Amino acid sequence: SPTCTRPSCRSGRCCSSPSPVAPSPVSVADRAYFQSHLDGKAPHLYISQPLFGRISRQWTVQFSVPLLHDGKFRGVMILSVSTNYLSRALSDVFPDKTDTSDVAILLHNDGAYLARSHGLSQVLGKQVPPTWDFLELTDHVSGAYEAIPQVDNIKRYYAWHRAPDYPVLINVGLGKEKALTEVRRLVRKSRLNNLMGTLLLLLLGVWVTWLWHKQRVQSIALAA
């Protein structure tokens, strides 16, 4: 299953284990997605970096919220989503699955990869370079930049946008060479259209001149 939901008690032990690999309760007390809800912090949704699950035995992103009773912390509800599932959703953005020049990436605000439309296994557990635009412009909601990631060395034009109220952002990159090829095609098409328009104007001018000349010749003949 691409997703799994389970509660933990306030000590951090999961109350159920859906995996035969770990049939007994497993403690998540040391995980950041558990600790972020301790010490009387205001209830909030926490989104983790990709983790190799102690229960699922696969790479997942954890979404967690605190369980409260009479205002007191009683545990955490955890939703685990497979990074492969998230990456497949991103790959659906592009119709041609064989073309790797374009890419869609889901990132944590700190630059950690959560999902990638292709090449996921090469980036799990890693972060983007600290010089990338959105890491430096922390007060910006969106932006654009040009970069060559080490994972595939393809130069791309990137545009990014932060999710409101959540520590994640989507980053879409278009291969520079592919994008410029399309721009060049549009420029050539525009020039051709302009040329055709100019020729039509010239023909129209010639036609109007011919009509005027013909009318003048007829007028002179009638006057004679």
Protein backbone atom coordinates (compact mmCIF):
# COMPACT_ATOMS: atom_id res chain seq x y z
CA SER A 1 0.00 0.00 0.00
CA PRO A 2 1.35 3.51 -0.82
CA THR A 3 0.02 4.90 2.47
CA CYS A 4 -0.31 3.69 6.07
CA THR A 5 -2.00 5.31 9.06
CA ARG A 6 -1.22 4.37 12.66
CA PRO A 7 -1.39 5.96 16.12
CA SER A 8 1.30 6.02 18.77
CA CYS A 9 0.88 6.36 22.51
CA ARG A 10 2.42 9.25 24.44
CA SER A 11 5.57 7.22 25.13
CA GLY A 12 6.17 6.90 21.38
CA ARG A 13 5.27 3.22 20.96
CA CYS A 14 3.05 2.49 17.95
CA CYS A 15 -0.20 0.90 19.04
CA SER A 16 -0.34 -1.32 15.97
CA SER A 17 2.10 -2.71 13.43
CA PRO A 18 0.79 -3.43 9.92
CA SER A 19 3.98 -5.21 8.82
CA PRO A 20 4.90 -8.88 9.37
CA VAL A 21 8.54 -7.72 9.42
CA ALA A 22 7.90 -5.90 12.68
CA PRO A 23 4.90 -7.67 14.29
CA SER A 24 5.48 -6.19 17.76
CA PRO A 25 5.01 -2.50 18.68
CA VAL A 26 7.84 -0.26 17.51
CA SER A 27 8.98 2.93 19.25
CA VAL A 28 9.12 6.18 17.26
CA ALA A 29 9.92 8.33 20.29
CA ASP A 30 13.25 9.40 18.78
CA ARG A 31 11.73 10.45 15.46
CA ALA A 32 11.42 14.17 14.75
CA TYR A 33 7.79 13.74 13.63
CA PHE A 34 7.01 12.55 17.21
CA GLN A 35 9.22 14.96 19.15
CA SER A 36 7.88 17.99 17.26
CA HIS A 37 4.58 17.61 19.15
CA LEU A 38 6.08 17.46 22.66
CA ASP A 39 6.71 20.19 25.24
CA GLY A 40 3.28 21.79 24.92
CA LYS A 41 3.75 22.98 21.36
CA ALA A 42 0.64 24.20 19.56
CA PRO A 43 -1.11 21.45 17.54
CA HIS A 44 0.20 21.40 13.98
CA LEU A 45 0.82 19.13 11.00
CA TYR A 46 4.43 17.97 10.80
CA ILE A 47 5.94 16.79 7.51
CA SER A 48 9.15 14.81 7.80
CA GLN A 49 12.07 14.28 5.48
CA PRO A 50 12.07 10.84 3.80
CA LEU A 51 12.77 8.07 6.31
CA PHE A 52 13.37 4.37 5.95
CA GLY A 53 10.48 2.98 7.96
CA ARG A 54 11.06 0.66 10.91
CA ILE A 55 7.64 -0.85 10.26
CA SER A 56 7.04 -0.43 6.52
CA ARG A 57 10.68 -1.20 5.56
CA GLN A 58 10.49 1.33 2.75
CA TRP A 59 11.21 5.00 2.16
CA THR A 60 8.27 7.13 3.29
CA VAL A 61 7.36 10.70 4.19
CA GLN A 62 5.63 11.00 7.58
CA PHE A 63 2.69 13.34 8.16
CA SER A 64 1.88 13.57 11.87
CA VAL A 65 -0.55 15.42 14.16
CA PRO A 66 -0.84 15.25 17.96
CA LEU A 67 -3.57 13.29 19.73
CA LEU A 68 -4.98 15.40 22.58
CA HIS A 69 -7.47 14.62 25.35
CA ASP A 70 -8.70 17.47 27.53
CA GLY A 71 -5.86 19.51 26.10
CA LYS A 72 -3.23 16.99 27.19
CA PHE A 73 -0.87 15.16 24.87
CA ARG A 74 -1.79 11.49 24.48
CA GLY A 75 0.18 10.47 21.42
CA VAL A 76 0.58 11.08 17.71
CA MET A 77 -1.37 10.05 14.63
CA ILE A 78 1.02 9.22 11.80
CA LEU A 79 0.32 8.94 8.08
CA SER A 80 3.16 7.34 6.12
CA VAL A 81 3.22 7.97 2.36
CA SER A 82 5.60 6.12 0.07
CA THR A 83 8.11 8.33 -1.72
CA ASN A 84 7.59 6.16 -4.81
CA TYR A 85 3.87 6.97 -4.69
CA LEU A 86 4.58 10.71 -4.49
CA SER A 87 7.10 10.46 -7.32
CA ARG A 88 4.65 8.64 -9.60
CA ALA A 89 2.17 11.45 -9.03
CA LEU A 90 4.84 13.96 -10.10
CA SER A 91 5.75 11.94 -13.20
CA ASP A 92 2.13 12.22 -14.39
CA VAL A 93 2.83 15.93 -15.00
CA PHE A 94 4.79 14.95 -18.12
CA PRO A 95 3.13 12.89 -20.88
CA ASP A 96 6.42 11.51 -22.26
CA LYS A 97 7.84 9.21 -19.57
CA THR A 98 11.02 8.57 -21.59
CA ASP A 99 11.99 12.26 -21.72
CA THR A 100 14.15 13.11 -18.69
CA SER A 101 15.03 16.66 -19.71
CA ASP A 102 12.06 18.00 -17.71
CA VAL A 103 11.56 17.28 -14.01
CA ALA A 104 9.12 17.94 -11.16
CA ILE A 105 10.41 17.85 -7.58
CA LEU A 106 8.70 17.98 -4.19
CA LEU A 107 11.06 19.47 -1.60
CA HIS A 108 11.10 20.30 2.08
CA ASN A 109 11.73 23.97 2.77
CA ASP A 110 15.21 23.04 4.01
CA GLY A 111 16.04 21.59 0.56
CA ALA A 112 15.57 17.88 1.34
CA TYR A 113 14.17 15.81 -1.50
CA LEU A 114 10.72 14.33 -0.76
CA ALA A 115 9.92 13.09 -4.27
CA ARG A 116 11.19 13.44 -7.84
CA SER A 117 9.43 12.61 -11.11
CA HIS A 118 12.40 10.44 -12.14
CA GLY A 119 15.74 9.44 -10.63
CA LEU A 120 14.29 9.23 -7.10
CA SER A 121 16.75 6.59 -5.89
CA GLN A 122 19.66 8.93 -6.63
CA VAL A 123 18.39 11.73 -4.37
CA LEU A 124 16.75 10.00 -1.38
CA GLY A 125 18.33 11.20 1.83
CA LYS A 126 19.99 14.13 0.05
CA GLN A 127 19.43 17.87 -0.25
CA VAL A 128 19.70 20.34 -3.11
CA PRO A 129 22.74 22.70 -3.16
CA PRO A 130 22.44 25.56 -0.63
CA THR A 131 22.84 28.12 -3.42
CA TRP A 132 19.55 27.21 -5.08
CA ASP A 133 17.20 30.16 -5.27
CA PHE A 134 14.48 29.20 -2.77
CA LEU A 135 16.96 28.38 0.02
CA GLU A 136 18.40 31.89 -0.13
CA LEU A 137 15.06 33.69 -0.63
CA THR A 138 13.33 32.30 2.46
CA ASP A 139 10.82 35.17 2.59
CA HIS A 140 9.69 34.63 -1.03
CA VAL A 141 6.69 32.52 -2.01
CA SER A 142 7.82 31.77 -5.56
CA GLY A 143 10.65 32.40 -7.97
CA ALA A 144 12.68 31.17 -10.94
CA TYR A 145 16.32 30.34 -11.59
CA GLU A 146 18.68 28.35 -13.79
CA ALA A 147 20.76 25.42 -12.51
CA ILE A 148 22.56 22.20 -13.39
CA PRO A 149 21.89 19.51 -10.72
CA GLN A 150 24.68 17.02 -10.09
CA VAL A 151 22.22 14.12 -10.20
CA ASP A 152 21.90 14.28 -14.01
CA ASN A 153 23.93 17.34 -15.18
CA ILE A 154 21.06 18.68 -17.30
CA LYS A 155 20.81 22.46 -17.50
CA ARG A 156 17.25 23.55 -16.75
CA TYR A 157 15.08 26.60 -16.20
CA TYR A 158 13.33 26.14 -12.85
CA ALA A 159 10.22 27.72 -11.36
CA TRP A 160 9.22 27.05 -7.75
CA HIS A 161 6.32 27.79 -5.41
CA ARG A 162 5.93 27.26 -1.68
CA ALA A 163 2.81 25.61 -0.26
CA PRO A 164 0.98 28.06 2.02
CA ASP A 165 1.08 27.05 5.72
CA TYR A 166 3.20 23.93 5.06
CA PRO A 167 7.01 23.49 4.94
CA VAL A 168 7.13 22.14 1.38
CA LEU A 169 7.50 23.51 -2.13
CA ILE A 170 7.12 22.27 -5.69
CA ASN A 171 9.97 22.84 -8.12
CA VAL A 172 9.52 22.29 -11.87
CA GLY A 173 12.46 22.33 -14.28
CA LEU A 174 12.36 22.49 -18.08
CA GLY A 175 15.41 21.35 -20.02
CA LYS A 176 17.13 24.47 -21.37
CA GLU A 177 18.00 23.00 -24.76
CA LYS A 178 14.49 21.62 -25.21
CA ALA A 179 12.93 24.91 -24.11
CA LEU A 180 15.16 26.94 -26.43
CA THR A 181 14.34 24.62 -29.34
CA GLU A 182 10.66 25.37 -28.84
CA VAL A 183 11.38 29.11 -28.54
CA ARG A 184 13.40 29.03 -31.76
CA ARG A 185 10.54 27.21 -33.50
CA LEU A 186 8.06 29.83 -32.31
CA VAL A 187 10.39 32.64 -33.41
CA ARG A 188 10.72 31.09 -36.88
CA LYS A 189 6.96 30.66 -37.05
CA SER A 190 6.46 34.27 -35.96
CA ARG A 191 8.91 35.52 -38.59
CA LEU A 192 7.16 33.46 -41.26
CA ASN A 193 3.80 34.83 -40.17
CA ASN A 194 5.20 38.38 -40.25
CA LEU A 195 6.60 37.78 -43.74
CA MET A 196 3.28 36.44 -44.98
CA GLY A 197 1.51 39.42 -43.44
CA THR A 198 3.91 41.83 -45.17
CA LEU A 199 3.43 40.12 -48.53
CA LEU A 200 -0.36 40.29 -48.15
CA LEU A 201 -0.12 44.01 -47.39
CA LEU A 202 2.05 44.54 -50.47
CA LEU A 203 -0.38 42.61 -52.66
CA LEU A 204 -3.26 44.59 -51.24
CA GLY A 205 -1.42 47.84 -52.01
CA VAL A 206 -0.72 46.72 -55.59
CA TRP A 207 -4.36 45.72 -56.06
CA VAL A 208 -5.67 49.04 -54.73
CA THR A 209 -3.21 50.93 -56.97
CA TRP A 210 -4.32 48.91 -60.00
CA LEU A 211 -7.99 49.60 -59.25
CA TRP A 212 -7.27 53.31 -58.85
CA HIS A 213 -5.32 53.37 -62.12
CA LYS A 214 -8.07 51.47 -63.95
CA GLN A 215 -10.72 53.85 -62.64
CA ARG A 216 -8.66 56.86 -63.73
CA VAL A 217 -8.19 55.47 -67.26
CA GLN A 218 -11.94 54.89 -67.55
CA SER A 219 -12.67 58.41 -66.32
CA ILE A 220 -10.31 59.92 -68.95
CA ALA A 221 -11.88 57.79 -71.71
CA LEU A 222 -15.37 58.94 -70.78
CA ALA A 223 -14.29 62.58 -70.68
CA ALA A 224 -12.80 62.31 -74.17
